[in-house]
Amino acid sequence: MPLQLFAMFPADLRTAIEHLPASLLETLEEIRIREERPLEIGYGGRFAFVRPDGTTTDDPRAAYRPGRETCRTLLERVTNHSLYAVEEELRRGFVTVAGGHRIGLAGRTVLEGGAVRHLRDIASFNVRIARARTGCAAELLPHLLDPQARTVRHALIVSAPQQGKTTMLRDLARAISAGQWYHPAASGWGGRKVGIVDERSEIAACERGVPTFDLGPRSDVLDACPKAEGLMMLVRSMSPEVVVVDEIGRPEDAYALTEALHAGVRVLATAHAVDLADVFARPVLAQLAQEGMFSAYVLLSRSQGRVMHRIVSAEEAADLRTRQAGRRTWAAPRDAPDAAPTPQARSPNAAEADGPVEAAGARLSIKPRPLPVIRSPSTPAKEGT
């Protein structure tokens, strides 16, 4: 239970949350606080309203309703009593607090030159609970290995929001940094130098520059830094062998990733997309795919409350792009029946999610493959190749 986060809540709100059943608190994913409206939580892929005594209900009329003073106090504590200090975060619609928890905000926008300058009259908060799932990448990482280079391939992790992308990315960084490859043929490989650009302070949850999540012994983090600029800074100054970045999608991100690739650095990234059809429909991601940036795509999905993953090679993705040209798929609502495809693997500690990646009838027909057979080259590759 994230006690440091809950200590930020006003007393009446904290009482309602802390009195939730312990089993529910362990799977808590979201706390949705709306002024004068029912308090709602998301847990284990499900949602419920919360009464003042901490019991849950499906009836919004019976739920606790935080008032204006409660929401005002919460905003002051979230922003450390200075809206000016978090002006950039307000412009983007969220604030990341200690522990890597992201708090989404909604209210009245203030425009300048037709663009959002910041938010005011904030009356909605979406508290997303960040948790480390050590070992959740154990079944995925062996499929991303490059035996000749004794490191990982360039890979893009794709899913709809809240499917566990950041959690998976964090554990991949930890394992690669520690040289924990989860495959017997890679037992002699050392850890790799990992550079992490943590624009939203969610991957590492740094406090005064020091990660609070375990990212392994050979990781360096640029905290609260724009991705494109941070990638180039890391390549120039920290000589990483693998760079890790969350939620790419802007043109400048594509340029920086391409530059990192040409510098001989391996790239692990995530992106919001329902499936590969969505990836190819987004101009920046489509450009990276067409240029062969990624040799593997990891699709995260939810099936019966469990997070699954499936790997698609660049060749399979290119074939799919040709076959599905012009087609679109849409995310299913959170209470729709699970329509996830047969998984390739499931990480036992994978983060829970709140909805399937693909809508019914839009599944890919790519069969799972067994763990790769990795043969070490006759002459071991040099460190950093």
Foldseek 3Di string as FASTA:
>chain_A
DPPVVLVLAPDQVSQLQVQADPVQVVFWFKWKAFAQWFTKTDGLQDIFTTASNNDTDNDRVRGDHHHPVRVVSSVCSQVVNDCPVCQVVQLVQWAQDFPQKIKGWDADFDDDPNGTRGHDPTGMIMTGHADALAQQCLVPQLQQADQQQLAGFAEEEEFAPFLFPLNNLLNVQACLQQQNRNDVQSNPRGHWQEEEEAQRCRSQSDDVLHGPDRRHDRYHYDYNDPQLVRLVVCVVPVVGQEYEYEADADQSNLVSLVVCVVSNHHYYYYHYALDLVRLCVRVSSVVCLVVVSGQKYWYWWDAPSFIAIAIDGSVRSVVVCVVQPPHDFDFDDQPDHDQADDGLDGRPRGRTGNGTSGDHPPYDPDDHDDRDDRHHDPDHDDHSD
